Amino acid sequence: MKLTGVELREIRLPLVAPFRTSFGTLTERSALLLRAVGTEAEGWGECVAMAGPLYSSEYVAGCADVLRRFLIPALAGRDHLDAAAVAPALAPFLGHRMAKAALEMAVLDAELRTQGVPLAGELGAVRDRVPCGVSVGIMDSVPQLLEAVAGYLDAGYARIKLKIEPGWDIEPVRAVRERFGEDLLLQADANTAYTLADARHLARLDPYGLLLIEQPLDEEDLLGHAALAKAITTPVCLDESITSARAAAAAITLGACSVVNIKPGRVGGYLEARRIHDVCRAHGVPVWAGGMLETGLGRAANVALAALPGFTLPGDTSASDRYYRTDITDPFVLEDGHLPVPTGPGLGVVPVPAALEEATVSTEWISL
């Protein structure tokens, strides 16, 4: 396939409710979409960077700039382009994994649509549906939290993840465990909010039978995570620290984690995400699919990834209505705690034109 151009499209979608983490509170999702147009097909990609550099050093405007000035032009002049060639072509440009992942995703979608192959089949999926968890943000009160969790369990979600930070950790975890019982699959996500000096405090979570505590320390502190893993019995899961298959192997070797959250945007794309899955599976380390408030485009791809054999824990692949009243694709609807894996070629979904247009803030066409 020869790539003729890429459209950059910024969209904004209001969230159904504010979503608070240790990084801040979101009331809307700003996202950058890519439409890669080739001689045989076109494909869609979604950049998971947020509006500002809080969760990551990447942000929407910065991703658009590096795509426009460096990454998209690096793919020019190729008579045959496939997704496997994208990462090597972009390798000279350091970092910018979220922007690179979006471009690779768009090329991969176009390539697979040309071949009539679903993304799930290309990645090696073994399931036709995946169990879904939900991420519950920091609330104003414990009663408000319990009401929210009850609603998600009534909707059928298979696992609850609680966002935590200093001052909002032991009490909400204890309250949810006591209210909903020992059989509830429950985990906590700290988003780097603690330091190793908090090890004794975090050990107070051990009695509550959490599946894991996600990214408690700074993303660069692998040695600190290794020390924390020895100091608590709750399994330590790494998220922000895992940027590649090499990083995953190093973290596992150091004993810094016993579970890994794979976010394709954070690691540079779905092909690298598959490599991380393979590394973790070879080491007997379970993985699960993280979420970044994706639209239906990114959600479709994440569900396909979560159908691989090493994904043995429910991920953050929630239904569309967890975040959006109106998604830009046909909505993903929870069925018995699961989402179906798309079976159409490529991502298996496309934007609904009217919904896409309503959410669009700006567009830019880059010819190649």
Protein backbone atom coordinates (compact mmCIF):
# COMPACT_ATOMS: atom_id res chain seq x y z
CA MET A 1 0.00 0.00 0.00
CA LYS A 2 1.27 3.46 -0.86
CA LEU A 3 0.32 6.16 1.63
CA THR A 4 -0.99 9.31 -0.09
CA GLY A 5 -1.72 11.43 2.97
CA VAL A 6 -2.84 11.61 6.59
CA GLU A 7 -5.63 13.65 8.11
CA LEU A 8 -5.15 14.96 11.65
CA ARG A 9 -8.43 15.59 13.44
CA GLU A 10 -8.80 16.96 16.95
CA ILE A 11 -12.03 16.10 18.71
CA ARG A 12 -13.56 16.83 22.10
CA LEU A 13 -16.11 14.66 23.85
CA PRO A 14 -17.77 15.59 27.16
CA LEU A 15 -17.54 12.89 29.83
CA VAL A 16 -20.74 11.60 31.43
CA ALA A 17 -19.20 12.47 34.82
CA PRO A 18 -15.94 14.08 36.02
CA PHE A 19 -13.09 11.57 36.24
CA ARG A 20 -10.58 12.34 39.01
CA THR A 21 -7.17 10.73 39.49
CA SER A 22 -4.03 11.80 41.33
CA PHE A 23 -3.10 13.78 38.19
CA GLY A 24 -6.26 15.92 38.20
CA THR A 25 -9.92 15.92 37.15
CA LEU A 26 -11.19 15.52 33.59
CA THR A 27 -14.59 16.71 32.42
CA GLU A 28 -14.02 16.23 28.70
CA ARG A 29 -11.76 14.16 26.49
CA SER A 30 -9.61 15.96 23.95
CA ALA A 31 -8.21 13.47 21.46
CA LEU A 32 -6.26 13.41 18.23
CA LEU A 33 -7.50 11.07 15.50
CA LEU A 34 -5.55 10.09 12.39
CA ARG A 35 -6.99 8.95 9.07
CA ALA A 36 -4.30 7.37 6.91
CA VAL A 37 -5.31 7.29 3.25
CA GLY A 38 -3.59 4.82 0.96
CA THR A 39 -3.96 3.76 -2.63
CA GLU A 40 -6.03 0.72 -1.62
CA ALA A 41 -7.73 1.63 1.67
CA GLU A 42 -7.83 4.08 4.52
CA GLY A 43 -7.38 3.41 8.21
CA TRP A 44 -8.01 5.13 11.52
CA GLY A 45 -5.69 5.71 14.46
CA GLU A 46 -6.27 7.31 17.86
CA CYS A 47 -3.66 9.12 19.90
CA VAL A 48 -4.20 8.57 23.63
CA ALA A 49 -2.31 11.68 24.80
CA MET A 50 -4.29 14.04 27.00
CA ALA A 51 -4.79 17.78 26.50
CA GLY A 52 -1.94 18.59 28.89
CA PRO A 53 1.35 16.87 29.88
CA LEU A 54 0.17 15.57 33.27
CA TYR A 55 -0.14 11.80 32.89
CA SER A 56 2.62 11.79 30.28
CA SER A 57 5.08 14.23 28.75
CA GLU A 58 3.03 13.95 25.55
CA TYR A 59 -0.06 16.09 24.93
CA VAL A 60 -2.48 16.59 22.05
CA ALA A 61 -0.98 19.72 20.48
CA GLY A 62 2.54 18.36 20.87
CA CYS A 63 1.60 15.08 19.22
CA ALA A 64 0.01 16.92 16.31
CA ASP A 65 3.17 18.98 15.90
CA VAL A 66 5.60 16.04 15.88
CA LEU A 67 3.34 14.08 13.55
CA ARG A 68 3.07 17.03 11.17
CA ARG A 69 6.76 17.98 11.16
CA PHE A 70 8.58 14.67 11.53
CA LEU A 71 6.67 11.39 11.80
CA ILE A 72 4.25 11.55 8.88
CA PRO A 73 6.89 12.93 6.45
CA ALA A 74 9.15 10.01 7.44
CA LEU A 75 6.72 7.66 5.70
CA ALA A 76 6.76 9.57 2.40
CA GLY A 77 8.13 8.12 -0.81
CA ARG A 78 7.47 4.47 0.00
CA ASP A 79 5.79 2.52 -2.78
CA HIS A 80 4.84 -0.23 -0.33
CA LEU A 81 4.17 0.52 3.32
CA ASP A 82 3.00 -1.94 5.92
CA ALA A 83 2.58 -1.48 9.66
CA ALA A 84 5.71 -3.48 10.51
CA ALA A 85 7.78 -0.86 8.69
CA VAL A 86 6.37 2.10 10.62
CA ALA A 87 8.33 1.71 13.87
CA PRO A 88 11.73 1.33 12.11
CA ALA A 89 10.97 4.36 9.93
CA LEU A 90 10.15 6.45 13.01
CA ALA A 91 12.97 5.13 15.20
CA PRO A 92 15.37 8.04 14.51
CA PHE A 93 12.94 10.36 16.33
CA LEU A 94 13.30 9.85 20.07
CA GLY A 95 10.29 9.30 22.31
CA HIS A 96 6.80 10.41 21.25
CA ARG A 97 5.44 6.89 21.65
CA MET A 98 1.80 7.96 21.75
CA ALA A 99 2.09 9.85 18.49
CA LYS A 100 3.97 6.96 16.89
CA ALA A 101 1.37 4.48 18.14
CA ALA A 102 -1.46 6.46 16.55
CA LEU A 103 0.29 6.55 13.19
CA GLU A 104 1.12 2.84 13.29
CA MET A 105 -2.48 2.08 14.28
CA ALA A 106 -3.86 4.00 11.29
CA VAL A 107 -1.49 2.25 8.86
CA LEU A 108 -2.24 -1.12 10.43
CA ASP A 109 -5.99 -0.54 10.13
CA ALA A 110 -5.64 0.38 6.44
CA GLU A 111 -3.36 -2.59 5.73
CA LEU A 112 -5.68 -5.10 7.38
CA ARG A 113 -8.75 -3.65 5.66
CA THR A 114 -6.97 -4.22 2.34
CA GLN A 115 -6.35 -7.84 3.32
CA GLY A 116 -9.79 -8.38 4.85
CA VAL A 117 -8.17 -9.45 8.15
CA PRO A 118 -9.49 -8.43 11.61
CA LEU A 119 -6.97 -6.86 14.00
CA ALA A 120 -7.74 -9.56 16.57
CA GLY A 121 -6.74 -12.27 14.11
CA GLU A 122 -3.57 -10.43 13.14
CA LEU A 123 -2.50 -10.06 16.77
CA GLY A 124 -3.25 -13.69 17.68
CA ALA A 125 -6.48 -13.45 19.65
CA VAL A 126 -7.92 -16.65 21.10
CA ARG A 127 -11.26 -15.33 22.43
CA ASP A 128 -14.32 -13.79 20.80
CA ARG A 129 -15.21 -11.70 23.84
CA VAL A 130 -13.28 -10.27 26.79
CA PRO A 131 -14.21 -9.66 30.44
CA CYS A 132 -14.39 -5.99 31.35
CA GLY A 133 -13.41 -4.04 34.41
CA VAL A 134 -14.12 -0.43 35.22
CA SER A 135 -11.89 2.30 36.63
CA VAL A 136 -13.54 4.34 39.39
CA GLY A 137 -12.13 7.80 39.98
CA ILE A 138 -11.47 9.54 43.28
CA MET A 139 -14.75 10.69 44.81
CA ASP A 140 -15.80 13.43 47.23
CA SER A 141 -16.95 10.91 49.83
CA VAL A 142 -17.01 7.21 50.61
CA PRO A 143 -20.83 6.99 50.33
CA GLN A 144 -20.58 8.50 46.84
CA LEU A 145 -17.93 5.91 45.96
CA LEU A 146 -20.04 3.02 47.24
CA GLU A 147 -23.01 4.22 45.20
CA ALA A 148 -20.86 4.41 42.06
CA VAL A 149 -19.37 0.95 42.58
CA ALA A 150 -22.82 -0.53 43.17
CA GLY A 151 -23.97 0.94 39.87
CA TYR A 152 -21.04 -0.55 37.96
CA LEU A 153 -21.59 -3.97 39.54
CA ASP A 154 -25.28 -3.80 38.67
CA ALA A 155 -24.23 -3.05 35.08
CA GLY A 156 -22.24 -6.29 35.08
CA TYR A 157 -18.61 -5.21 35.29
CA ALA A 158 -16.34 -8.10 36.28
CA ARG A 159 -13.71 -6.08 38.17
CA ILE A 160 -13.50 -2.79 40.03
CA LYS A 161 -10.39 -0.58 40.01
CA LEU A 162 -10.19 2.23 42.53
CA LYS A 163 -8.04 5.26 41.88
CA ILE A 164 -6.14 6.14 45.06
CA GLU A 165 -3.82 8.86 46.35
CA PRO A 166 -2.47 9.86 49.77
CA GLY A 167 -5.49 10.65 51.91
CA TRP A 168 -7.81 8.54 49.72
CA ASP A 169 -6.61 4.95 49.94
CA ILE A 170 -7.14 2.75 53.00
CA GLU A 171 -10.61 4.01 53.89
CA PRO A 172 -12.20 3.70 50.42
CA VAL A 173 -10.61 0.29 49.80
CA ARG A 174 -11.82 -0.99 53.15
CA ALA A 175 -15.31 0.39 52.60
CA VAL A 176 -15.68 -1.21 49.17
CA ARG A 177 -14.37 -4.56 50.39
CA GLU A 178 -16.64 -4.58 53.43
CA ARG A 179 -19.69 -3.51 51.43
CA PHE A 180 -19.31 -5.87 48.47
CA GLY A 181 -17.53 -8.86 49.97
CA GLU A 182 -14.42 -10.94 49.45
CA ASP A 183 -15.48 -12.32 46.06
CA LEU A 184 -15.30 -8.93 44.36
CA LEU A 185 -12.31 -8.62 42.04
CA LEU A 186 -10.81 -5.40 43.36
CA GLN A 187 -7.60 -3.52 42.62
CA ALA A 188 -6.12 -0.08 43.26
CA ASP A 189 -4.33 2.35 40.96
CA ALA A 190 -2.00 4.96 42.46
CA ASN A 191 -0.75 6.60 39.23
CA THR A 192 2.73 7.19 40.78
CA ALA A 193 1.30 9.07 43.79
CA TYR A 194 3.52 7.47 46.48
CA THR A 195 7.20 7.01 47.35
CA LEU A 196 9.05 4.10 48.88
CA ALA A 197 8.80 5.90 52.24
CA ASP A 198 5.07 5.05 52.09
CA ALA A 199 5.73 1.29 52.06
CA ARG A 200 4.48 0.74 55.59
CA HIS A 201 1.34 2.71 54.83
CA LEU A 202 0.69 0.81 51.59
CA ALA A 203 1.10 -2.46 53.50
CA ARG A 204 -2.12 -1.52 55.28
CA LEU A 205 -3.89 -2.46 52.04
CA ASP A 206 -2.67 -6.07 52.29
CA PRO A 207 -5.59 -7.38 54.42
CA TYR A 208 -8.13 -6.43 51.75
CA GLY A 209 -7.17 -9.04 49.17
CA LEU A 210 -6.50 -6.75 46.24
CA LEU A 211 -5.69 -8.29 42.88
CA LEU A 212 -2.87 -5.75 42.64
CA ILE A 213 -1.75 -2.22 43.32
CA GLU A 214 -0.95 -0.44 40.09
CA GLN A 215 2.04 1.89 39.64
CA PRO A 216 2.41 3.05 43.25
CA LEU A 217 5.78 4.81 42.71
CA ASP A 218 7.40 7.04 40.11
CA GLU A 219 7.60 5.52 36.66
CA GLU A 220 11.42 5.57 36.65
CA ASP A 221 11.77 3.95 40.08
CA LEU A 222 12.11 0.27 39.22
CA LEU A 223 14.40 -0.40 42.18
CA GLY A 224 11.90 1.26 44.50
CA HIS A 225 9.13 -0.94 43.13
CA ALA A 226 11.31 -4.01 43.64
CA ALA A 227 11.86 -3.02 47.27
CA LEU A 228 8.16 -2.28 47.74
CA ALA A 229 7.20 -5.65 46.28
CA LYS A 230 9.23 -7.28 49.08
CA ALA A 231 7.61 -5.11 51.74
CA ILE A 232 3.95 -5.77 50.91
CA THR A 233 1.96 -8.87 50.02
CA THR A 234 -0.35 -7.12 47.53
CA PRO A 235 1.01 -7.85 44.02
CA VAL A 236 2.68 -4.85 42.39
CA CYS A 237 1.59 -4.04 38.84
CA LEU A 238 3.49 -1.64 36.60
CA ASP A 239 1.82 0.70 34.13
CA GLU A 240 3.70 3.92 33.35
CA SER A 241 7.05 2.16 33.87
CA ILE A 242 6.41 -0.29 31.02
CA THR A 243 7.34 1.50 27.81
CA SER A 244 8.62 -1.44 25.74
CA ALA A 245 9.23 -5.17 25.74
CA ARG A 246 12.77 -4.45 26.94
CA ALA A 247 11.44 -2.40 29.86
CA ALA A 248 9.02 -5.19 30.75
CA ALA A 249 11.80 -7.78 30.76
CA ALA A 250 13.96 -5.56 32.98
CA ALA A 251 11.14 -4.93 35.45
CA ILE A 252 10.35 -8.63 35.71
CA THR A 253 14.01 -9.56 36.15
CA LEU A 254 14.43 -6.98 38.93
CA GLY A 255 11.33 -8.23 40.72
CA ALA A 256 9.70 -4.82 40.35
CA CYS A 257 6.35 -6.29 39.35
CA SER A 258 4.39 -9.51 39.18
CA VAL A 259 1.62 -8.13 36.93
CA VAL A 260 1.81 -5.80 33.91
CA ASN A 261 -0.73 -3.34 32.51
CA ILE A 262 -0.27 -2.97 28.73
CA LYS A 263 -1.37 0.29 27.14
CA PRO A 264 -0.56 0.29 23.41
CA GLY A 265 -0.36 4.07 23.18
CA ARG A 266 2.15 4.22 26.00
CA VAL A 267 4.47 1.64 24.41
CA GLY A 268 4.46 2.88 20.82
CA GLY A 269 1.75 0.75 19.26
CA TYR A 270 -0.09 -2.55 19.09
CA LEU A 271 2.80 -4.48 17.59
CA GLU A 272 5.05 -3.56 20.54
CA ALA A 273 2.14 -4.29 22.88
CA ARG A 274 2.03 -7.81 21.45
CA ARG A 275 5.77 -8.18 22.08
CA ILE A 276 5.28 -7.15 25.71
CA HIS A 277 2.48 -9.71 25.99
CA ASP A 278 4.82 -12.38 24.64
CA VAL A 279 7.64 -11.46 27.04
CA CYS A 280 5.32 -11.48 30.04
CA ARG A 281 3.71 -14.75 29.03
CA ALA A 282 7.13 -16.37 28.66
CA HIS A 283 7.90 -15.31 32.25
CA GLY A 284 4.52 -16.42 33.61
CA VAL A 285 3.50 -12.82 34.36
CA PRO A 286 -0.20 -12.06 33.81
CA VAL A 287 -1.15 -8.97 31.81
CA TRP A 288 -4.26 -6.90 31.33
CA ALA A 289 -5.31 -4.12 28.97
CA GLY A 290 -5.26 -0.62 30.34
CA GLY A 291 -7.45 2.20 29.11
CA MET A 292 -6.96 5.89 28.33
CA LEU A 293 -10.59 7.01 27.91
CA GLU A 294 -10.45 5.94 24.27
CA THR A 295 -13.23 6.52 21.78
CA GLY A 296 -14.74 3.53 20.00
CA LEU A 297 -11.72 3.42 17.67
CA GLY A 298 -9.18 2.83 20.41
CA ARG A 299 -11.63 0.70 22.36
CA ALA A 300 -12.05 -1.66 19.40
CA ALA A 301 -8.29 -2.11 19.14
CA ASN A 302 -7.89 -2.60 22.90
CA VAL A 303 -10.60 -5.26 22.96
CA ALA A 304 -8.81 -7.09 20.13
CA LEU A 305 -5.55 -6.96 22.08
CA ALA A 306 -7.22 -8.13 25.28
CA ALA A 307 -8.33 -11.30 23.49
CA LEU A 308 -4.74 -12.61 23.37
CA PRO A 309 -4.00 -15.63 25.60
CA GLY A 310 -1.81 -13.86 28.18
CA PHE A 311 -4.53 -11.37 29.13
CA THR A 312 -5.87 -13.33 32.09
CA LEU A 313 -7.21 -10.39 34.14
CA PRO A 314 -10.16 -8.15 33.23
CA GLY A 315 -8.93 -4.90 31.71
CA ASP A 316 -10.15 -1.32 31.56
CA THR A 317 -11.97 -2.00 28.30
CA SER A 318 -15.23 -0.57 29.58
CA ALA A 319 -18.37 -0.01 27.54
CA SER A 320 -18.74 3.27 25.65
CA ASP A 321 -21.34 4.63 28.06
CA ARG A 322 -18.85 4.45 30.94
CA TYR A 323 -17.39 7.69 29.61
CA TYR A 324 -19.51 9.03 26.73
CA ARG A 325 -23.19 9.58 26.10
CA THR A 326 -22.44 9.49 22.39
CA ASP A 327 -19.31 7.78 21.08
CA ILE A 328 -17.93 8.55 17.62
CA THR A 329 -18.46 4.92 16.56
CA ASP A 330 -21.36 2.58 17.16
CA PRO A 331 -21.21 2.07 20.93
CA PHE A 332 -19.61 -0.87 22.66
CA VAL A 333 -22.27 -2.37 24.93
CA LEU A 334 -21.55 -4.59 27.93
CA GLU A 335 -23.02 -8.09 27.66
CA ASP A 336 -22.82 -10.28 30.77
CA GLY A 337 -19.70 -8.42 31.90
CA HIS A 338 -17.98 -8.81 28.52
CA LEU A 339 -17.43 -6.91 25.28
CA PRO A 340 -17.41 -8.72 21.93
CA VAL A 341 -14.21 -8.71 19.90
CA PRO A 342 -14.80 -6.93 16.57
CA THR A 343 -14.78 -9.33 13.63
CA GLY A 344 -14.69 -6.94 10.69
CA PRO A 345 -11.47 -6.18 8.81
CA GLY A 346 -8.97 -3.90 10.52
CA LEU A 347 -10.37 -2.30 13.65
CA GLY A 348 -13.79 -3.60 12.70
CA VAL A 349 -15.37 -0.21 13.38
CA VAL A 350 -15.48 3.20 11.67
CA PRO A 351 -16.62 6.61 12.89
CA VAL A 352 -20.25 7.57 12.50
CA PRO A 353 -20.01 10.65 10.24
CA ALA A 354 -22.52 12.81 12.12
CA ALA A 355 -21.05 11.99 15.54
CA LEU A 356 -17.52 12.57 14.29
CA GLU A 357 -18.42 15.92 12.77
CA GLU A 358 -20.16 17.08 15.93
CA ALA A 359 -17.10 16.27 18.06
CA THR A 360 -14.54 17.75 15.65
CA VAL A 361 -12.62 20.85 16.70
CA SER A 362 -10.19 21.05 13.76
CA THR A 363 -8.82 19.06 10.81
CA GLU A 364 -5.60 19.21 8.85
CA TRP A 365 -4.59 17.30 5.72
CA ILE A 366 -0.94 16.35 5.21
CA SER A 367 -0.13 15.14 1.69
CA LEU A 368 2.67 12.69 0.99
